[in-house]
Amino acid sequence: MWQCPLCKLPLQTHQVDAPERLLKTWSCENNHSFDKAKQGYVNLLPVQNKRSKMPGDDVEMVAARTTFFARKPYAPLAKKLAELITSIDARNTDEIHVPRNFTDATCIPLNIYDSGCGEGYYLEALSMLLSSTELAQKSVQYSFYGHDISKAAVLAAAKRNRDKQLVVATTINIPVLDCSQDIILQIFAPACPAQYARVLHSNGVVITVDPAPKHLFELKQIVYEKPEHHQKHHTVLSGFEIREQHHLDFSVALDNAVVRLALLQMTPFYWKTNEMQRSLIKQNLTKVTADFIITIWQQSKVVKTTNVSLAGVSSQIADNIDDKSLQTESMSLEKER
């Protein structure tokens, strides 16, 4: 399912005589090759496509998110996402469905792709939830994939998701083949609707998660003199229509200074605080409100008819787009994934 980020040809990723085994080097027919790191991920972000030496989140921010998510503070969000994915599969109506016909355990799995996967918390949580007794469906199998522009994030994600294929890549040049994905997850990450339209099956869906008005408001009260609520919804996917929208909020307990500081460090708020504010946060921020808008998108019917002819064009255009705007946007998002 992976494609070469340079020439767009399919990558040979598995051994021919043992299809279940990944190769140590992925390559295409044009002899472009990409080595698999010892942690299990593959770097599909060519150096000529970078706009900085280490794009995306740095090691410190990734470490902070790893510390924070070790306590599973956003477990209700992961569970809600798993329930929505299950309901999409089960409903399978003309309104919203992925075009799969599951008949037995040997069927092709449904592909779930995390665009901007960060340190891999949601991939790990969803794979566990969707295989659990409570949510598992007898005739449905899942395969999980993802990318992030941050090498540090993908390294961390690979360590906690050793059974999944993860790559370093940019969202404006997602290195997967056309029409190969069923569900794309975009959780507090930059969007690229043209790429989503290219890689999704004709009836595939995008699930986005954005901050709702009260998200982390207790933290903002310490950071800002006049804190403001988030705008209710700011993701816009051109060429897609909203099929469903859900609101989810819950309280997150922060029972020690390490977790409180980790929460601060994994958000852009960290750079807006001084030592006094950080001290107040470590001492007094005992809980925060997690507040999310979850949106399910599907391609507009009019757009679908033109995607086949435009698929190759969108890939070529992506090569020429400056991804600095995506990097800037990702730094401005609160990526509590």
C-alpha atoms as a PDB file:
ATOM      1  CA  MET A   1       0.000   0.000   0.000  1.00  0.00           C
ATOM      2  CA  TRP A   2       2.975   2.329   0.390  1.00  0.00           C
ATOM      3  CA  GLN A   3       4.281   4.375  -2.525  1.00  0.00           C
ATOM      4  CA  CYS A   4       7.627   5.958  -3.250  1.00  0.00           C
ATOM      5  CA  PRO A   5       7.660   9.615  -2.130  1.00  0.00           C
ATOM      6  CA  LEU A   6       9.921  10.479  -5.068  1.00  0.00           C
ATOM      7  CA  CYS A   7       8.335   8.842  -8.124  1.00  0.00           C
ATOM      8  CA  LYS A   8       4.967   7.629  -6.731  1.00  0.00           C
ATOM      9  CA  LEU A   9       5.507   4.028  -7.830  1.00  0.00           C
ATOM     10  CA  PRO A  10       4.499   1.254  -5.414  1.00  0.00           C
ATOM     11  CA  LEU A  11       7.088   0.258  -2.838  1.00  0.00           C
ATOM     12  CA  GLN A  12       8.042  -3.384  -2.361  1.00  0.00           C
ATOM     13  CA  THR A  13       7.693  -3.738   1.399  1.00  0.00           C
ATOM     14  CA  HIS A  14       7.266  -7.475   2.001  1.00  0.00           C
ATOM     15  CA  GLN A  15       9.237 -10.556   1.051  1.00  0.00           C
ATOM     16  CA  VAL A  16       7.894 -12.237  -2.063  1.00  0.00           C
ATOM     17  CA  ASP A  17       8.317 -15.747  -0.629  1.00  0.00           C
ATOM     18  CA  ALA A  18       7.043 -14.722   2.816  1.00  0.00           C
ATOM     19  CA  PRO A  19       4.355 -12.019   2.382  1.00  0.00           C
ATOM     20  CA  GLU A  20       3.842 -11.709   6.119  1.00  0.00           C
ATOM     21  CA  ARG A  21       7.432 -10.510   6.647  1.00  0.00           C
ATOM     22  CA  LEU A  22       8.520  -6.914   6.105  1.00  0.00           C
ATOM     23  CA  LEU A  23      11.706  -6.210   4.187  1.00  0.00           C
ATOM     24  CA  LYS A  24      14.528  -4.314   5.869  1.00  0.00           C
ATOM     25  CA  THR A  25      14.710  -2.030   2.825  1.00  0.00           C
ATOM     26  CA  TRP A  26      11.684  -0.792   0.907  1.00  0.00           C
ATOM     27  CA  SER A  27      12.256  -0.034  -2.773  1.00  0.00           C
ATOM     28  CA  CYS A  28      10.437   0.836  -6.000  1.00  0.00           C
ATOM     29  CA  GLU A  29      11.074  -0.140  -9.630  1.00  0.00           C
ATOM     30  CA  ASN A  30      13.126   3.038 -10.091  1.00  0.00           C
ATOM     31  CA  ASN A  31      15.532   1.761  -7.425  1.00  0.00           C
ATOM     32  CA  HIS A  32      14.668   4.404  -4.866  1.00  0.00           C
ATOM     33  CA  SER A  33      15.245   2.677  -1.544  1.00  0.00           C
ATOM     34  CA  PHE A  34      14.365   3.426   2.079  1.00  0.00           C
ATOM     35  CA  ASP A  35      15.837   1.534   4.999  1.00  0.00           C
ATOM     36  CA  LYS A  36      13.811   0.346   7.941  1.00  0.00           C
ATOM     37  CA  ALA A  37      15.108   1.732  11.246  1.00  0.00           C
ATOM     38  CA  LYS A  38      15.880  -0.690  14.055  1.00  0.00           C
ATOM     39  CA  GLN A  39      12.821   0.659  15.922  1.00  0.00           C
ATOM     40  CA  GLY A  40      10.622  -0.507  13.022  1.00  0.00           C
ATOM     41  CA  TYR A  41       9.654   2.690  11.199  1.00  0.00           C
ATOM     42  CA  VAL A  42      10.718   3.858   7.721  1.00  0.00           C
ATOM     43  CA  ASN A  43      11.678   7.424   6.825  1.00  0.00           C
ATOM     44  CA  LEU A  44       9.764   8.414   3.674  1.00  0.00           C
ATOM     45  CA  LEU A  45      10.497  12.137   3.963  1.00  0.00           C
ATOM     46  CA  PRO A  46      13.258  12.880   1.433  1.00  0.00           C
ATOM     47  CA  VAL A  47      15.790  15.412   2.623  1.00  0.00           C
ATOM     48  CA  GLN A  48      15.025  17.667  -0.345  1.00  0.00           C
ATOM     49  CA  ASN A  49      11.410  17.927   0.832  1.00  0.00           C
ATOM     50  CA  LYS A  50      12.367  19.193   4.272  1.00  0.00           C
ATOM     51  CA  ARG A  51      12.220  22.884   5.112  1.00  0.00           C
ATOM     52  CA  SER A  52      14.180  22.509   8.360  1.00  0.00           C
ATOM     53  CA  LYS A  53      16.717  20.073   9.776  1.00  0.00           C
ATOM     54  CA  MET A  54      14.235  18.463  12.196  1.00  0.00           C
ATOM     55  CA  PRO A  55      10.673  19.348  11.149  1.00  0.00           C
ATOM     56  CA  GLY A  56       7.740  18.797  13.476  1.00  0.00           C
ATOM     57  CA  ASP A  57       7.743  18.248  17.214  1.00  0.00           C
ATOM     58  CA  ASP A  58      11.084  18.028  18.963  1.00  0.00           C
ATOM     59  CA  VAL A  59      12.304  15.347  21.341  1.00  0.00           C
ATOM     60  CA  GLU A  60      11.255  17.294  24.448  1.00  0.00           C
ATOM     61  CA  MET A  61       7.659  17.778  23.291  1.00  0.00           C
ATOM     62  CA  VAL A  62       7.358  14.127  22.292  1.00  0.00           C
ATOM     63  CA  ALA A  63       8.757  13.064  25.670  1.00  0.00           C
ATOM     64  CA  ALA A  64       6.205  15.269  27.426  1.00  0.00           C
ATOM     65  CA  ARG A  65       3.303  13.698  25.507  1.00  0.00           C
ATOM     66  CA  THR A  66       4.655  10.220  26.210  1.00  0.00           C
ATOM     67  CA  THR A  67       4.742  11.002  29.931  1.00  0.00           C
ATOM     68  CA  PHE A  68       1.247  12.481  29.873  1.00  0.00           C
ATOM     69  CA  PHE A  69      -0.377   9.703  27.866  1.00  0.00           C
ATOM     70  CA  ALA A  70       1.221   6.969  29.940  1.00  0.00           C
ATOM     71  CA  ARG A  71      -1.612   7.616  32.401  1.00  0.00           C
ATOM     72  CA  LYS A  72      -4.271   7.299  29.651  1.00  0.00           C
ATOM     73  CA  PRO A  73      -5.940  10.623  30.506  1.00  0.00           C
ATOM     74  CA  TYR A  74      -7.815  10.733  27.186  1.00  0.00           C
ATOM     75  CA  ALA A  75      -9.121   7.179  27.389  1.00  0.00           C
ATOM     76  CA  PRO A  76     -12.749   8.375  26.988  1.00  0.00           C
ATOM     77  CA  LEU A  77     -11.806   9.988  23.666  1.00  0.00           C
ATOM     78  CA  ALA A  78     -10.130   6.822  22.418  1.00  0.00           C
ATOM     79  CA  LYS A  79     -13.174   4.785  23.440  1.00  0.00           C
ATOM     80  CA  LYS A  80     -15.531   7.193  21.668  1.00  0.00           C
ATOM     81  CA  LEU A  81     -13.452   6.979  18.479  1.00  0.00           C
ATOM     82  CA  ALA A  82     -13.502   3.184  18.649  1.00  0.00           C
ATOM     83  CA  GLU A  83     -17.274   3.199  19.071  1.00  0.00           C
ATOM     84  CA  LEU A  84     -17.698   5.505  16.087  1.00  0.00           C
ATOM     85  CA  ILE A  85     -15.454   3.347  13.906  1.00  0.00           C
ATOM     86  CA  THR A  86     -17.436   0.279  14.921  1.00  0.00           C
ATOM     87  CA  SER A  87     -20.749   1.991  14.207  1.00  0.00           C
ATOM     88  CA  ILE A  88     -19.549   3.076  10.764  1.00  0.00           C
ATOM     89  CA  ASP A  89     -18.654  -0.513   9.922  1.00  0.00           C
ATOM     90  CA  ALA A  90     -21.869  -1.952  11.314  1.00  0.00           C
ATOM     91  CA  ARG A  91     -24.230   0.605   9.795  1.00  0.00           C
ATOM     92  CA  ASN A  92     -22.940   0.234   6.217  1.00  0.00           C
ATOM     93  CA  THR A  93     -25.767   2.291   4.690  1.00  0.00           C
ATOM     94  CA  ASP A  94     -25.820   4.452   1.576  1.00  0.00           C
ATOM     95  CA  GLU A  95     -25.325   7.499   3.777  1.00  0.00           C
ATOM     96  CA  ILE A  96     -21.950   6.492   5.153  1.00  0.00           C
ATOM     97  CA  HIS A  97     -19.988   3.295   4.793  1.00  0.00           C
ATOM     98  CA  VAL A  98     -16.686   1.871   3.744  1.00  0.00           C
ATOM     99  CA  PRO A  99     -16.984  -0.387   0.695  1.00  0.00           C
ATOM    100  CA  ARG A 100     -15.997  -3.695   2.239  1.00  0.00           C
ATOM    101  CA  ASN A 101     -17.882  -6.951   2.244  1.00  0.00           C
ATOM    102  CA  PHE A 102     -16.615  -9.009   5.170  1.00  0.00           C
ATOM    103  CA  THR A 103     -17.470 -12.680   4.851  1.00  0.00           C
ATOM    104  CA  ASP A 104     -14.817 -14.563   6.800  1.00  0.00           C
ATOM    105  CA  ALA A 105     -11.664 -14.199   8.848  1.00  0.00           C
ATOM    106  CA  THR A 106      -9.454 -14.241   5.767  1.00  0.00           C
ATOM    107  CA  CYS A 107     -10.948 -11.100   4.245  1.00  0.00           C
ATOM    108  CA  ILE A 108      -8.941  -7.980   3.466  1.00  0.00           C
ATOM    109  CA  PRO A 109      -8.705  -5.893   6.653  1.00  0.00           C
ATOM    110  CA  LEU A 110     -10.155  -2.442   6.958  1.00  0.00           C
ATOM    111  CA  ASN A 111      -7.336   0.114   6.810  1.00  0.00           C
ATOM    112  CA  ILE A 112      -7.196   2.850   9.443  1.00  0.00           C
ATOM    113  CA  TYR A 113      -4.607   5.546   8.798  1.00  0.00           C
ATOM    114  CA  ASP A 114      -3.528   8.109  11.418  1.00  0.00           C
ATOM    115  CA  SER A 115      -2.437  11.278   9.637  1.00  0.00           C
ATOM    116  CA  GLY A 116      -0.138  13.049  12.085  1.00  0.00           C
ATOM    117  CA  CYS A 117       0.086  10.128  14.492  1.00  0.00           C
ATOM    118  CA  GLY A 118       2.388  11.810  17.011  1.00  0.00           C
ATOM    119  CA  GLU A 119       3.793   9.428  19.593  1.00  0.00           C
ATOM    120  CA  GLY A 120       1.207   6.778  18.657  1.00  0.00           C
ATOM    121  CA  TYR A 121      -1.134   6.811  21.647  1.00  0.00           C
ATOM    122  CA  TYR A 122      -4.362   6.654  19.631  1.00  0.00           C
ATOM    123  CA  LEU A 123      -3.112   3.937  17.283  1.00  0.00           C
ATOM    124  CA  GLU A 124      -2.217   1.793  20.278  1.00  0.00           C
ATOM    125  CA  ALA A 125      -5.447   2.510  22.142  1.00  0.00           C
ATOM    126  CA  LEU A 126      -7.713   1.953  19.125  1.00  0.00           C
ATOM    127  CA  SER A 127      -6.064  -1.307  18.131  1.00  0.00           C
ATOM    128  CA  MET A 128      -6.628  -2.629  21.644  1.00  0.00           C
ATOM    129  CA  LEU A 129     -10.205  -1.346  21.887  1.00  0.00           C
ATOM    130  CA  LEU A 130     -11.292  -2.570  18.465  1.00  0.00           C
ATOM    131  CA  SER A 131     -10.018  -6.055  19.249  1.00  0.00           C
ATOM    132  CA  SER A 132     -11.598  -6.112  22.712  1.00  0.00           C
ATOM    133  CA  THR A 133     -14.531  -8.376  23.568  1.00  0.00           C
ATOM    134  CA  GLU A 134     -16.807  -5.363  24.002  1.00  0.00           C
ATOM    135  CA  LEU A 135     -16.283  -3.801  20.558  1.00  0.00           C
ATOM    136  CA  ALA A 136     -14.818  -6.532  18.355  1.00  0.00           C
ATOM    137  CA  GLN A 137     -16.887  -7.606  15.364  1.00  0.00           C
ATOM    138  CA  LYS A 138     -16.520 -11.203  14.234  1.00  0.00           C
ATOM    139  CA  SER A 139     -16.242 -10.421  10.532  1.00  0.00           C
ATOM    140  CA  VAL A 140     -14.070  -7.297  10.735  1.00  0.00           C
ATOM    141  CA  GLN A 141     -10.314  -7.103  10.895  1.00  0.00           C
ATOM    142  CA  TYR A 142      -8.317  -3.884  11.174  1.00  0.00           C
ATOM    143  CA  SER A 143      -4.917  -2.811   9.969  1.00  0.00           C
ATOM    144  CA  PHE A 144      -3.355   0.352  11.369  1.00  0.00           C
ATOM    145  CA  TYR A 145      -0.901   2.690   9.686  1.00  0.00           C
ATOM    146  CA  GLY A 146       0.278   6.248  10.196  1.00  0.00           C
ATOM    147  CA  HIS A 147       2.779   8.991   9.589  1.00  0.00           C
ATOM    148  CA  ASP A 148       4.129  12.077  11.265  1.00  0.00           C
ATOM    149  CA  ILE A 149       6.548  14.702  10.021  1.00  0.00           C
ATOM    150  CA  SER A 150       8.467  14.480  13.298  1.00  0.00           C
ATOM    151  CA  LYS A 151      11.090  11.746  13.336  1.00  0.00           C
ATOM    152  CA  ALA A 152      11.152  11.859  17.138  1.00  0.00           C
ATOM    153  CA  ALA A 153       7.389  11.290  17.256  1.00  0.00           C
ATOM    154  CA  VAL A 154       7.439   8.372  14.814  1.00  0.00           C
ATOM    155  CA  LEU A 155      10.314   6.760  16.718  1.00  0.00           C
ATOM    156  CA  ALA A 156       8.245   6.940  19.921  1.00  0.00           C
ATOM    157  CA  ALA A 157       5.141   5.683  18.086  1.00  0.00           C
ATOM    158  CA  ALA A 158       7.049   2.721  16.633  1.00  0.00           C
ATOM    159  CA  LYS A 159       8.263   1.696  20.078  1.00  0.00           C
ATOM    160  CA  ARG A 160       4.704   1.426  21.408  1.00  0.00           C
ATOM    161  CA  ASN A 161       3.230   0.050  18.149  1.00  0.00           C
ATOM    162  CA  ARG A 162       5.691  -2.622  17.050  1.00  0.00           C
ATOM    163  CA  ASP A 163       3.007  -4.482  15.084  1.00  0.00           C
ATOM    164  CA  LYS A 164       2.086  -1.473  12.912  1.00  0.00           C
ATOM    165  CA  GLN A 165       3.667   0.151   9.870  1.00  0.00           C
ATOM    166  CA  LEU A 166       4.638   3.763  10.588  1.00  0.00           C
ATOM    167  CA  VAL A 167       6.606   6.233   8.512  1.00  0.00           C
ATOM    168  CA  VAL A 168       8.121   9.692   8.693  1.00  0.00           C
ATOM    169  CA  ALA A 169       6.297  11.734   6.054  1.00  0.00           C
ATOM    170  CA  THR A 170       4.432  14.961   5.436  1.00  0.00           C
ATOM    171  CA  THR A 171       0.660  15.295   5.176  1.00  0.00           C
ATOM    172  CA  ILE A 172       0.866  17.129   1.853  1.00  0.00           C
ATOM    173  CA  ASN A 173       2.570  14.083   0.351  1.00  0.00           C
ATOM    174  CA  ILE A 174       1.101  11.048   2.098  1.00  0.00           C
ATOM    175  CA  PRO A 175       3.159   8.103   0.785  1.00  0.00           C
ATOM    176  CA  VAL A 176       0.346   5.604   0.269  1.00  0.00           C
ATOM    177  CA  LEU A 177      -1.274   4.431  -2.945  1.00  0.00           C
ATOM    178  CA  ASP A 178      -4.471   5.906  -4.345  1.00  0.00           C
ATOM    179  CA  CYS A 179      -7.760   4.539  -2.983  1.00  0.00           C
ATOM    180  CA  SER A 180      -5.984   2.368  -0.399  1.00  0.00           C
ATOM    181  CA  GLN A 181      -7.464   3.602   2.889  1.00  0.00           C
ATOM    182  CA  ASP A 182     -10.876   3.187   4.509  1.00  0.00           C
ATOM    183  CA  ILE A 183     -10.672   5.576   7.470  1.00  0.00           C
ATOM    184  CA  ILE A 184      -8.299   8.487   8.047  1.00  0.00           C
ATOM    185  CA  LEU A 185      -7.848   9.851  11.553  1.00  0.00           C
ATOM    186  CA  GLN A 186      -6.811  13.475  12.006  1.00  0.00           C
ATOM    187  CA  ILE A 187      -6.479  14.189  15.710  1.00  0.00           C
ATOM    188  CA  PHE A 188      -5.264  17.702  16.497  1.00  0.00           C
ATOM    189  CA  ALA A 189      -3.157  17.685  13.357  1.00  0.00           C
ATOM    190  CA  PRO A 190      -2.882  19.656  10.088  1.00  0.00           C
ATOM    191  CA  ALA A 191      -5.174  18.672   7.211  1.00  0.00           C
ATOM    192  CA  CYS A 192      -4.659  18.118   3.493  1.00  0.00           C
ATOM    193  CA  PRO A 193      -8.058  17.365   1.908  1.00  0.00           C
ATOM    194  CA  ALA A 194      -6.604  16.769  -1.569  1.00  0.00           C
ATOM    195  CA  GLN A 195      -4.394  13.992  -0.228  1.00  0.00           C
ATOM    196  CA  TYR A 196      -7.235  12.509   1.814  1.00  0.00           C
ATOM    197  CA  ALA A 197      -9.416  12.396  -1.309  1.00  0.00           C
ATOM    198  CA  ARG A 198      -6.631  10.684  -3.222  1.00  0.00           C
ATOM    199  CA  VAL A 199      -5.821   7.932  -0.726  1.00  0.00           C
ATOM    200  CA  LEU A 200      -9.353   7.125   0.466  1.00  0.00           C
ATOM    201  CA  HIS A 201     -11.620   4.539  -1.078  1.00  0.00           C
ATOM    202  CA  SER A 202     -14.598   6.109  -2.828  1.00  0.00           C
ATOM    203  CA  ASN A 203     -16.770   5.840   0.283  1.00  0.00           C
ATOM    204  CA  GLY A 204     -14.020   6.186   2.845  1.00  0.00           C
ATOM    205  CA  VAL A 205     -14.311   8.615   5.726  1.00  0.00           C
ATOM    206  CA  VAL A 206     -12.155  11.094   7.616  1.00  0.00           C
ATOM    207  CA  ILE A 207     -12.588  11.431  11.368  1.00  0.00           C
ATOM    208  CA  THR A 208     -11.251  14.691  12.781  1.00  0.00           C
ATOM    209  CA  VAL A 209     -10.839  15.703  16.410  1.00  0.00           C
ATOM    210  CA  ASP A 210     -10.620  19.394  17.319  1.00  0.00           C
ATOM    211  CA  PRO A 211     -10.714  21.338  20.585  1.00  0.00           C
ATOM    212  CA  ALA A 212     -14.176  22.374  21.721  1.00  0.00           C
ATOM    213  CA  PRO A 213     -14.727  25.705  23.565  1.00  0.00           C
ATOM    214  CA  LYS A 214     -13.797  24.568  27.091  1.00  0.00           C
ATOM    215  CA  HIS A 215     -10.741  22.497  26.193  1.00  0.00           C
ATOM    216  CA  LEU A 216      -7.960  22.964  28.795  1.00  0.00           C
ATOM    217  CA  PHE A 217      -9.629  26.145  29.987  1.00  0.00           C
ATOM    218  CA  GLU A 218      -8.251  25.770  33.527  1.00  0.00           C
ATOM    219  CA  LEU A 219      -4.740  25.795  32.063  1.00  0.00           C
ATOM    220  CA  LYS A 220      -5.526  28.845  29.949  1.00  0.00           C
ATOM    221  CA  GLN A 221      -6.746  30.668  33.054  1.00  0.00           C
ATOM    222  CA  ILE A 222      -3.204  30.524  34.448  1.00  0.00           C
ATOM    223  CA  VAL A 223      -1.481  31.304  31.144  1.00  0.00           C
ATOM    224  CA  TYR A 224      -3.596  34.291  30.037  1.00  0.00           C
ATOM    225  CA  GLU A 225      -4.920  37.333  31.858  1.00  0.00           C
ATOM    226  CA  LYS A 226      -8.119  37.150  29.809  1.00  0.00           C
ATOM    227  CA  PRO A 227      -8.498  33.557  28.631  1.00  0.00           C
ATOM    228  CA  GLU A 228     -10.873  32.885  25.767  1.00  0.00           C
ATOM    229  CA  HIS A 229     -12.747  29.786  24.769  1.00  0.00           C
ATOM    230  CA  HIS A 230     -11.729  27.929  21.626  1.00  0.00           C
ATOM    231  CA  GLN A 231     -13.763  28.483  18.530  1.00  0.00           C
ATOM    232  CA  LYS A 232     -16.294  25.678  18.344  1.00  0.00           C
ATOM    233  CA  HIS A 233     -14.962  24.212  15.095  1.00  0.00           C
ATOM    234  CA  HIS A 234     -12.060  25.182  12.863  1.00  0.00           C
ATOM    235  CA  THR A 235     -11.243  22.196  10.651  1.00  0.00           C
ATOM    236  CA  VAL A 236     -12.429  22.684   7.074  1.00  0.00           C
ATOM    237  CA  LEU A 237     -12.014  19.869   4.549  1.00  0.00           C
ATOM    238  CA  SER A 238     -12.603  21.212   1.058  1.00  0.00           C
ATOM    239  CA  GLY A 239     -14.445  18.697  -1.099  1.00  0.00           C
ATOM    240  CA  PHE A 240     -15.809  16.829   1.940  1.00  0.00           C
ATOM    241  CA  GLU A 241     -19.165  17.011   3.688  1.00  0.00           C
ATOM    242  CA  ILE A 242     -19.905  16.613   7.375  1.00  0.00           C
ATOM    243  CA  ARG A 243     -21.874  13.422   7.948  1.00  0.00           C
ATOM    244  CA  GLU A 244     -21.878  13.372  11.725  1.00  0.00           C
ATOM    245  CA  GLN A 245     -20.620  15.545  14.548  1.00  0.00           C
ATOM    246  CA  HIS A 246     -20.247  14.631  18.202  1.00  0.00           C
ATOM    247  CA  HIS A 247     -19.310  16.553  21.332  1.00  0.00           C
ATOM    248  CA  LEU A 248     -17.345  14.898  24.119  1.00  0.00           C
ATOM    249  CA  ASP A 249     -16.154  16.454  27.364  1.00  0.00           C
ATOM    250  CA  PHE A 250     -14.782  15.051  30.606  1.00  0.00           C
ATOM    251  CA  SER A 251     -12.536  16.020  33.492  1.00  0.00           C
ATOM    252  CA  VAL A 252      -8.897  14.921  33.631  1.00  0.00           C
ATOM    253  CA  ALA A 253      -7.268  14.576  37.057  1.00  0.00           C
ATOM    254  CA  LEU A 254      -3.665  15.778  37.300  1.00  0.00           C
ATOM    255  CA  ASP A 255      -2.454  14.254  40.525  1.00  0.00           C
ATOM    256  CA  ASN A 256       1.223  15.229  40.507  1.00  0.00           C
ATOM    257  CA  ALA A 257       3.575  17.960  39.333  1.00  0.00           C
ATOM    258  CA  VAL A 258       5.252  15.768  36.695  1.00  0.00           C
ATOM    259  CA  VAL A 259       1.975  15.165  34.841  1.00  0.00           C
ATOM    260  CA  ARG A 260       0.962  18.824  35.130  1.00  0.00           C
ATOM    261  CA  LEU A 261       4.249  19.998  33.663  1.00  0.00           C
ATOM    262  CA  ALA A 262       4.063  17.363  30.909  1.00  0.00           C
ATOM    263  CA  LEU A 263       0.628  18.632  29.893  1.00  0.00           C
ATOM    264  CA  LEU A 264       1.963  22.170  29.675  1.00  0.00           C
ATOM    265  CA  GLN A 265       5.072  21.128  27.732  1.00  0.00           C
ATOM    266  CA  MET A 266       3.107  19.278  25.073  1.00  0.00           C
ATOM    267  CA  THR A 267       1.084  22.369  24.165  1.00  0.00           C
ATOM    268  CA  PRO A 268       2.087  25.712  22.611  1.00  0.00           C
ATOM    269  CA  PHE A 269       1.097  27.308  25.937  1.00  0.00           C
ATOM    270  CA  TYR A 270       4.503  26.319  27.316  1.00  0.00           C
ATOM    271  CA  TRP A 271       6.234  29.028  25.286  1.00  0.00           C
ATOM    272  CA  LYS A 272       3.832  31.658  26.603  1.00  0.00           C
ATOM    273  CA  THR A 273       4.521  31.009  30.280  1.00  0.00           C
ATOM    274  CA  ASN A 274       7.142  32.356  32.667  1.00  0.00           C
ATOM    275  CA  GLU A 275       8.720  30.584  35.646  1.00  0.00           C
ATOM    276  CA  MET A 276       6.092  31.892  38.061  1.00  0.00           C
ATOM    277  CA  GLN A 277       3.243  30.602  35.914  1.00  0.00           C
ATOM    278  CA  ARG A 278       4.913  27.225  35.491  1.00  0.00           C
ATOM    279  CA  SER A 279       5.328  26.982  39.246  1.00  0.00           C
ATOM    280  CA  LEU A 280       1.622  27.780  39.746  1.00  0.00           C
ATOM    281  CA  ILE A 281       0.677  25.118  37.217  1.00  0.00           C
ATOM    282  CA  LYS A 282       2.829  22.475  38.910  1.00  0.00           C
ATOM    283  CA  GLN A 283       1.392  23.352  42.321  1.00  0.00           C
ATOM    284  CA  ASN A 284      -2.253  24.176  41.665  1.00  0.00           C
ATOM    285  CA  LEU A 285      -3.495  22.664  38.394  1.00  0.00           C
ATOM    286  CA  THR A 286      -5.139  19.541  39.834  1.00  0.00           C
ATOM    287  CA  LYS A 287      -7.566  18.972  36.963  1.00  0.00           C
ATOM    288  CA  VAL A 288      -8.469  20.231  33.503  1.00  0.00           C
ATOM    289  CA  THR A 289     -11.454  19.937  31.213  1.00  0.00           C
ATOM    290  CA  ALA A 290     -10.972  17.874  28.064  1.00  0.00           C
ATOM    291  CA  ASP A 291     -13.459  19.133  25.490  1.00  0.00           C
ATOM    292  CA  PHE A 292     -13.586  17.792  21.925  1.00  0.00           C
ATOM    293  CA  ILE A 293     -15.529  18.081  18.687  1.00  0.00           C
ATOM    294  CA  ILE A 294     -15.429  14.846  16.690  1.00  0.00           C
ATOM    295  CA  THR A 295     -16.477  15.125  13.059  1.00  0.00           C
ATOM    296  CA  ILE A 296     -17.022  12.410  10.473  1.00  0.00           C
ATOM    297  CA  TRP A 297     -16.465  13.551   6.889  1.00  0.00           C
ATOM    298  CA  GLN A 298     -17.136  11.952   3.550  1.00  0.00           C
ATOM    299  CA  GLN A 299     -16.297  13.189   0.082  1.00  0.00           C
ATOM    300  CA  SER A 300     -18.952  15.290  -1.615  1.00  0.00           C
ATOM    301  CA  LYS A 301     -20.729  13.353  -4.356  1.00  0.00           C
ATOM    302  CA  VAL A 302     -19.820  15.938  -6.998  1.00  0.00           C
ATOM    303  CA  VAL A 303     -16.139  15.781  -6.066  1.00  0.00           C
ATOM    304  CA  LYS A 304     -16.014  11.972  -6.248  1.00  0.00           C
ATOM    305  CA  THR A 305     -16.690  11.947  -9.991  1.00  0.00           C
ATOM    306  CA  THR A 306     -13.569  13.994 -10.721  1.00  0.00           C
ATOM    307  CA  ASN A 307     -11.129  12.382  -8.312  1.00  0.00           C
ATOM    308  CA  VAL A 308     -10.060   9.558 -10.620  1.00  0.00           C
ATOM    309  CA  SER A 309      -8.753  11.911 -13.278  1.00  0.00           C
ATOM    310  CA  LEU A 310      -7.203  14.271 -10.750  1.00  0.00           C
ATOM    311  CA  ALA A 311      -5.496  11.716  -8.502  1.00  0.00           C
ATOM    312  CA  GLY A 312      -2.176  11.793 -10.332  1.00  0.00           C
ATOM    313  CA  VAL A 313      -2.279  15.565 -10.673  1.00  0.00           C
ATOM    314  CA  SER A 314      -2.732  16.081  -6.943  1.00  0.00           C
ATOM    315  CA  SER A 315       0.349  13.975  -6.231  1.00  0.00           C
ATOM    316  CA  GLN A 316       2.445  16.057  -8.635  1.00  0.00           C
ATOM    317  CA  ILE A 317       1.181  19.298  -7.155  1.00  0.00           C
ATOM    318  CA  ALA A 318       2.031  18.085  -3.654  1.00  0.00           C
ATOM    319  CA  ASP A 319       5.687  17.791  -4.625  1.00  0.00           C
ATOM    320  CA  ASN A 320       5.815  21.511  -5.342  1.00  0.00           C
ATOM    321  CA  ILE A 321       3.963  22.799  -2.301  1.00  0.00           C
ATOM    322  CA  ASP A 322       6.014  24.390   0.424  1.00  0.00           C
ATOM    323  CA  ASP A 323       5.170  22.399   3.547  1.00  0.00           C
ATOM    324  CA  LYS A 324       6.264  25.251   5.798  1.00  0.00           C
ATOM    325  CA  SER A 325       2.619  26.254   6.192  1.00  0.00           C
ATOM    326  CA  LEU A 326       1.753  22.805   7.488  1.00  0.00           C
ATOM    327  CA  GLN A 327       4.686  22.867   9.898  1.00  0.00           C
ATOM    328  CA  THR A 328       3.637  26.295  11.171  1.00  0.00           C
ATOM    329  CA  GLU A 329       0.067  25.133  11.601  1.00  0.00           C
ATOM    330  CA  SER A 330       1.130  22.011  13.463  1.00  0.00           C
ATOM    331  CA  MET A 331       3.097  24.100  15.939  1.00  0.00           C
ATOM    332  CA  SER A 332       0.047  26.283  16.587  1.00  0.00           C
ATOM    333  CA  LEU A 333      -2.234  23.331  17.271  1.00  0.00           C
ATOM    334  CA  GLU A 334      -2.524  21.811  20.739  1.00  0.00           C
ATOM    335  CA  LYS A 335      -1.467  18.332  19.738  1.00  0.00           C
ATOM    336  CA  GLU A 336      -2.575  16.416  22.863  1.00  0.00           C
ATOM    337  CA  ARG A 337      -2.779  13.168  20.928  1.00  0.00           C
END
